Every structure is written in structure tokens, then in C-alpha cells.
Amino acid sequence: MFRHVVMFKWNDDVDQAHIDEFSETLTAVAASVPEVGDFRHGPDLQISDGNYDYVIVGEYASVDDYAVYRDHPDHKALIEKYLAGSISARAAVQYDAG
């Protein structure tokens, strides 16, 4: 199993409506790609200072399945519409989850 984790911080001018629309669209895009396994995402609970604002955790049967999602045109469109120009920081890791 292969796991992809990505976190990012929104720019200060990003409003809640943008975040809500992003979240709904992300759920729909992930559900439309058969290669995506378990897929969870959501905003930080703001329990600790300094955290990122949003996290996405996706599981895939293989690196190849992840690449299908990563390169999918709907995923790329989502990044362009909701993230490009709207985030100030991003961190990601992919690892073998057994």
C-alpha cells in the first residue's frame, strides 16, 4: 500500500466559501478516480499553534495508482482553481504504508 499525505496553509485572503467548495470538489474528484483507495481530508482543528491549515491523506494500491490520480485532468484542474495562488505553504510525503 502506498500513502500520500499533503498539507498546506491558506493565504490570509482565502475565505471559508472557497475552502468549502474546495473540500466538496476534492471529495468528488477523488471518488471519480477508481485508483484512489481510502481518501480523507479536512481542516486543522486549531488545537496547537503553528499547524498547517488543511491535510489530505490518500491511499493507493501502488505508486502507479497514485500517479493516475496525480496526473488526472480533474485533479490538475482542482489544483489550478483552488490551490494555485491560494496557498502560502505546502508540504507532502509519500511512503510505503505496508
N, C-alpha and C. Protein backbone atom coordinates (compact mmCIF):
# COMPACT_ATOMS: atom_id res chain seq x y z
N MET A 1 0.84 -1.18 0.00
CA MET A 1 0.00 0.00 0.00
C MET A 1 0.88 1.24 0.00
N PHE A 2 0.42 2.24 -0.68
CA PHE A 2 1.15 3.49 -0.86
C PHE A 2 0.28 4.62 -0.30
N ARG A 3 0.89 5.49 0.49
CA ARG A 3 0.12 6.59 1.09
C ARG A 3 0.74 7.93 0.70
N HIS A 4 -0.12 8.87 0.38
CA HIS A 4 0.27 10.23 0.03
C HIS A 4 -0.37 11.18 1.04
N VAL A 5 0.45 12.01 1.66
CA VAL A 5 -0.03 12.99 2.64
C VAL A 5 0.43 14.37 2.17
N VAL A 6 -0.49 15.30 2.11
CA VAL A 6 -0.14 16.68 1.74
C VAL A 6 -0.84 17.64 2.70
N MET A 7 -0.10 18.67 3.09
CA MET A 7 -0.63 19.70 3.98
C MET A 7 -0.33 21.06 3.36
N PHE A 8 -1.20 22.00 3.59
CA PHE A 8 -0.92 23.34 3.11
C PHE A 8 -1.54 24.39 4.01
N LYS A 9 -1.06 25.63 3.82
CA LYS A 9 -1.58 26.79 4.54
C LYS A 9 -2.25 27.70 3.52
N TRP A 10 -3.45 28.13 3.86
CA TRP A 10 -4.17 29.06 3.00
C TRP A 10 -3.58 30.46 3.14
N ASN A 11 -3.64 31.23 2.07
CA ASN A 11 -3.34 32.66 2.16
C ASN A 11 -4.37 33.33 3.06
N ASP A 12 -4.00 34.44 3.67
CA ASP A 12 -4.89 35.14 4.60
C ASP A 12 -6.20 35.60 3.96
N ASP A 13 -6.20 35.84 2.65
CA ASP A 13 -7.40 36.36 1.99
C ASP A 13 -8.36 35.28 1.49
N VAL A 14 -8.06 34.01 1.75
CA VAL A 14 -8.94 32.92 1.32
C VAL A 14 -10.10 32.80 2.30
N ASP A 15 -11.32 32.85 1.76
CA ASP A 15 -12.50 32.81 2.64
C ASP A 15 -13.04 31.39 2.81
N GLN A 16 -13.94 31.24 3.76
CA GLN A 16 -14.50 29.92 4.09
C GLN A 16 -15.26 29.31 2.92
N ALA A 17 -15.92 30.14 2.13
CA ALA A 17 -16.66 29.62 0.97
C ALA A 17 -15.71 28.93 -0.01
N HIS A 18 -14.53 29.50 -0.22
CA HIS A 18 -13.52 28.90 -1.10
C HIS A 18 -13.08 27.54 -0.54
N ILE A 19 -12.83 27.49 0.75
CA ILE A 19 -12.39 26.26 1.39
C ILE A 19 -13.48 25.19 1.31
N ASP A 20 -14.72 25.58 1.55
CA ASP A 20 -15.83 24.62 1.48
C ASP A 20 -16.00 24.07 0.08
N GLU A 21 -15.92 24.94 -0.92
CA GLU A 21 -16.05 24.49 -2.31
C GLU A 21 -14.89 23.59 -2.69
N PHE A 22 -13.68 23.94 -2.25
CA PHE A 22 -12.52 23.09 -2.50
C PHE A 22 -12.75 21.70 -1.91
N SER A 23 -13.19 21.65 -0.67
CA SER A 23 -13.40 20.37 0.02
C SER A 23 -14.42 19.50 -0.70
N GLU A 24 -15.53 20.09 -1.10
CA GLU A 24 -16.55 19.34 -1.83
C GLU A 24 -16.04 18.84 -3.17
N THR A 25 -15.32 19.69 -3.87
CA THR A 25 -14.78 19.30 -5.18
C THR A 25 -13.72 18.22 -5.03
N LEU A 26 -12.87 18.34 -4.02
CA LEU A 26 -11.84 17.33 -3.77
C LEU A 26 -12.47 15.97 -3.51
N THR A 27 -13.51 15.92 -2.70
CA THR A 27 -14.20 14.66 -2.43
C THR A 27 -14.73 14.06 -3.72
N ALA A 28 -15.34 14.87 -4.56
CA ALA A 28 -15.91 14.39 -5.82
C ALA A 28 -14.83 13.90 -6.78
N VAL A 29 -13.74 14.63 -6.89
CA VAL A 29 -12.66 14.23 -7.80
C VAL A 29 -12.06 12.90 -7.34
N ALA A 30 -11.75 12.78 -6.07
CA ALA A 30 -11.16 11.53 -5.56
C ALA A 30 -12.10 10.35 -5.79
N ALA A 31 -13.40 10.56 -5.57
CA ALA A 31 -14.38 9.49 -5.75
C ALA A 31 -14.53 9.07 -7.21
N SER A 32 -14.18 9.95 -8.12
CA SER A 32 -14.34 9.66 -9.55
C SER A 32 -13.17 8.90 -10.15
N VAL A 33 -12.09 8.75 -9.41
CA VAL A 33 -10.89 8.06 -9.92
C VAL A 33 -10.81 6.69 -9.24
N PRO A 34 -11.05 5.61 -9.98
CA PRO A 34 -11.10 4.27 -9.38
C PRO A 34 -9.82 3.84 -8.66
N GLU A 35 -8.69 4.39 -9.05
CA GLU A 35 -7.41 4.00 -8.46
C GLU A 35 -7.23 4.54 -7.05
N VAL A 36 -8.06 5.48 -6.64
CA VAL A 36 -7.96 6.05 -5.30
C VAL A 36 -8.61 5.10 -4.31
N GLY A 37 -7.86 4.75 -3.26
CA GLY A 37 -8.40 3.91 -2.19
C GLY A 37 -9.02 4.79 -1.12
N ASP A 38 -8.66 4.54 0.13
CA ASP A 38 -9.16 5.36 1.23
C ASP A 38 -8.67 6.79 1.03
N PHE A 39 -9.55 7.75 1.21
CA PHE A 39 -9.20 9.14 0.95
C PHE A 39 -9.88 10.01 1.99
N ARG A 40 -9.07 10.72 2.77
CA ARG A 40 -9.61 11.57 3.84
C ARG A 40 -8.93 12.93 3.79
N HIS A 41 -9.67 13.93 4.18
CA HIS A 41 -9.12 15.29 4.18
C HIS A 41 -9.95 16.18 5.08
N GLY A 42 -9.33 17.27 5.51
CA GLY A 42 -10.08 18.22 6.32
C GLY A 42 -9.20 19.31 6.89
N PRO A 43 -9.85 20.31 7.49
CA PRO A 43 -9.12 21.43 8.07
C PRO A 43 -8.51 21.06 9.42
N ASP A 44 -7.46 21.77 9.77
CA ASP A 44 -6.84 21.61 11.08
C ASP A 44 -7.84 22.04 12.16
N LEU A 45 -7.81 21.38 13.29
CA LEU A 45 -8.72 21.69 14.39
C LEU A 45 -8.26 22.88 15.24
N GLN A 46 -7.10 23.43 14.92
CA GLN A 46 -6.55 24.61 15.59
C GLN A 46 -6.36 24.39 17.08
N ILE A 47 -5.92 23.19 17.44
CA ILE A 47 -5.63 22.86 18.83
C ILE A 47 -4.24 23.38 19.22
N SER A 48 -3.32 23.35 18.26
CA SER A 48 -1.94 23.80 18.50
C SER A 48 -1.57 24.89 17.51
N ASP A 49 -0.79 25.85 17.98
CA ASP A 49 -0.30 26.91 17.10
C ASP A 49 0.72 26.37 16.12
N GLY A 50 0.80 26.99 14.97
CA GLY A 50 1.84 26.67 14.00
C GLY A 50 1.52 25.54 13.05
N ASN A 51 0.36 24.92 13.19
CA ASN A 51 -0.01 23.82 12.29
C ASN A 51 -0.36 24.34 10.90
N TYR A 52 -0.34 23.42 9.96
CA TYR A 52 -0.86 23.72 8.63
C TYR A 52 -2.38 23.82 8.73
N ASP A 53 -3.01 24.40 7.71
CA ASP A 53 -4.45 24.65 7.74
C ASP A 53 -5.30 23.48 7.25
N TYR A 54 -4.73 22.64 6.39
CA TYR A 54 -5.55 21.59 5.74
C TYR A 54 -4.65 20.39 5.45
N VAL A 55 -5.24 19.20 5.55
CA VAL A 55 -4.49 17.97 5.27
C VAL A 55 -5.30 17.07 4.35
N ILE A 56 -4.58 16.35 3.51
CA ILE A 56 -5.17 15.33 2.63
C ILE A 56 -4.34 14.06 2.80
N VAL A 57 -5.02 12.94 3.01
CA VAL A 57 -4.35 11.64 3.13
C VAL A 57 -5.04 10.68 2.17
N GLY A 58 -4.29 10.21 1.19
CA GLY A 58 -4.84 9.28 0.21
C GLY A 58 -4.06 7.98 0.21
N GLU A 59 -4.78 6.87 0.08
CA GLU A 59 -4.13 5.56 -0.01
C GLU A 59 -4.38 4.96 -1.39
N TYR A 60 -3.36 4.28 -1.88
CA TYR A 60 -3.38 3.71 -3.22
C TYR A 60 -2.74 2.34 -3.16
N ALA A 61 -3.15 1.45 -4.03
CA ALA A 61 -2.59 0.10 -4.05
C ALA A 61 -1.14 0.11 -4.50
N SER A 62 -0.75 1.13 -5.27
CA SER A 62 0.61 1.17 -5.81
C SER A 62 0.99 2.60 -6.16
N VAL A 63 2.27 2.80 -6.41
CA VAL A 63 2.76 4.09 -6.88
C VAL A 63 2.10 4.43 -8.21
N ASP A 64 1.92 3.43 -9.07
CA ASP A 64 1.27 3.67 -10.36
C ASP A 64 -0.16 4.18 -10.19
N ASP A 65 -0.89 3.63 -9.22
CA ASP A 65 -2.25 4.10 -8.97
C ASP A 65 -2.24 5.55 -8.48
N TYR A 66 -1.28 5.89 -7.63
CA TYR A 66 -1.15 7.28 -7.19
C TYR A 66 -0.88 8.19 -8.38
N ALA A 67 -0.01 7.75 -9.28
CA ALA A 67 0.33 8.56 -10.46
C ALA A 67 -0.89 8.82 -11.33
N VAL A 68 -1.79 7.83 -11.42
CA VAL A 68 -3.02 8.04 -12.19
C VAL A 68 -3.81 9.20 -11.59
N TYR A 69 -3.95 9.22 -10.27
CA TYR A 69 -4.67 10.31 -9.61
C TYR A 69 -3.90 11.62 -9.75
N ARG A 70 -2.63 11.62 -9.48
CA ARG A 70 -1.80 12.83 -9.54
C ARG A 70 -1.89 13.50 -10.91
N ASP A 71 -1.91 12.68 -11.96
CA ASP A 71 -1.89 13.20 -13.32
C ASP A 71 -3.27 13.35 -13.94
N HIS A 72 -4.31 12.99 -13.21
CA HIS A 72 -5.67 13.05 -13.74
C HIS A 72 -6.05 14.51 -14.05
N PRO A 73 -6.67 14.75 -15.20
CA PRO A 73 -7.01 16.14 -15.56
C PRO A 73 -7.92 16.84 -14.55
N ASP A 74 -8.83 16.12 -13.92
CA ASP A 74 -9.70 16.75 -12.91
C ASP A 74 -8.91 17.16 -11.67
N HIS A 75 -7.92 16.35 -11.31
CA HIS A 75 -7.05 16.69 -10.17
C HIS A 75 -6.22 17.93 -10.49
N LYS A 76 -5.68 17.97 -11.69
CA LYS A 76 -4.89 19.13 -12.10
C LYS A 76 -5.74 20.40 -12.14
N ALA A 77 -6.98 20.27 -12.62
CA ALA A 77 -7.89 21.42 -12.67
C ALA A 77 -8.23 21.91 -11.26
N LEU A 78 -8.41 20.98 -10.33
CA LEU A 78 -8.68 21.33 -8.94
C LEU A 78 -7.53 22.13 -8.35
N ILE A 79 -6.32 21.69 -8.60
CA ILE A 79 -5.14 22.40 -8.11
C ILE A 79 -5.10 23.81 -8.68
N GLU A 80 -5.32 23.92 -9.97
CA GLU A 80 -5.27 25.23 -10.63
C GLU A 80 -6.35 26.17 -10.09
N LYS A 81 -7.56 25.66 -9.91
CA LYS A 81 -8.68 26.52 -9.48
C LYS A 81 -8.63 26.89 -8.01
N TYR A 82 -8.28 25.93 -7.15
CA TYR A 82 -8.43 26.16 -5.71
C TYR A 82 -7.12 26.37 -4.94
N LEU A 83 -6.01 25.90 -5.48
CA LEU A 83 -4.76 25.98 -4.71
C LEU A 83 -3.76 26.97 -5.29
N ALA A 84 -3.58 26.98 -6.59
CA ALA A 84 -2.61 27.89 -7.20
C ALA A 84 -3.01 29.33 -6.86
N GLY A 85 -2.13 30.04 -6.22
CA GLY A 85 -2.42 31.41 -5.83
C GLY A 85 -3.20 31.55 -4.53
N SER A 86 -3.60 30.43 -3.94
CA SER A 86 -4.41 30.48 -2.71
C SER A 86 -3.69 29.91 -1.49
N ILE A 87 -2.51 29.32 -1.69
CA ILE A 87 -1.79 28.75 -0.56
C ILE A 87 -0.42 29.41 -0.41
N SER A 88 0.02 29.52 0.84
CA SER A 88 1.31 30.14 1.12
C SER A 88 2.40 29.11 1.43
N ALA A 89 1.99 27.88 1.75
CA ALA A 89 2.97 26.83 2.05
C ALA A 89 2.35 25.48 1.77
N ARG A 90 3.21 24.53 1.38
CA ARG A 90 2.77 23.17 1.09
C ARG A 90 3.86 22.21 1.54
N ALA A 91 3.46 21.10 2.11
CA ALA A 91 4.39 20.03 2.47
C ALA A 91 3.73 18.71 2.09
N ALA A 92 4.52 17.78 1.58
CA ALA A 92 3.95 16.49 1.18
C ALA A 92 4.96 15.39 1.42
N VAL A 93 4.44 14.19 1.59
CA VAL A 93 5.27 12.99 1.71
C VAL A 93 4.48 11.83 1.12
N GLN A 94 5.20 10.94 0.47
CA GLN A 94 4.62 9.69 0.00
C GLN A 94 5.46 8.58 0.62
N TYR A 95 4.76 7.53 1.12
CA TYR A 95 5.52 6.46 1.75
C TYR A 95 4.82 5.12 1.60
N ASP A 96 5.60 4.07 1.80
CA ASP A 96 5.08 2.71 1.76
C ASP A 96 4.35 2.45 3.07
N ALA A 97 3.05 2.26 2.99
CA ALA A 97 2.23 2.07 4.18
C ALA A 97 1.95 0.60 4.45
N GLY A 98 2.74 -0.27 3.83
CA GLY A 98 2.62 -1.69 4.10
C GLY A 98 1.62 -2.40 3.34
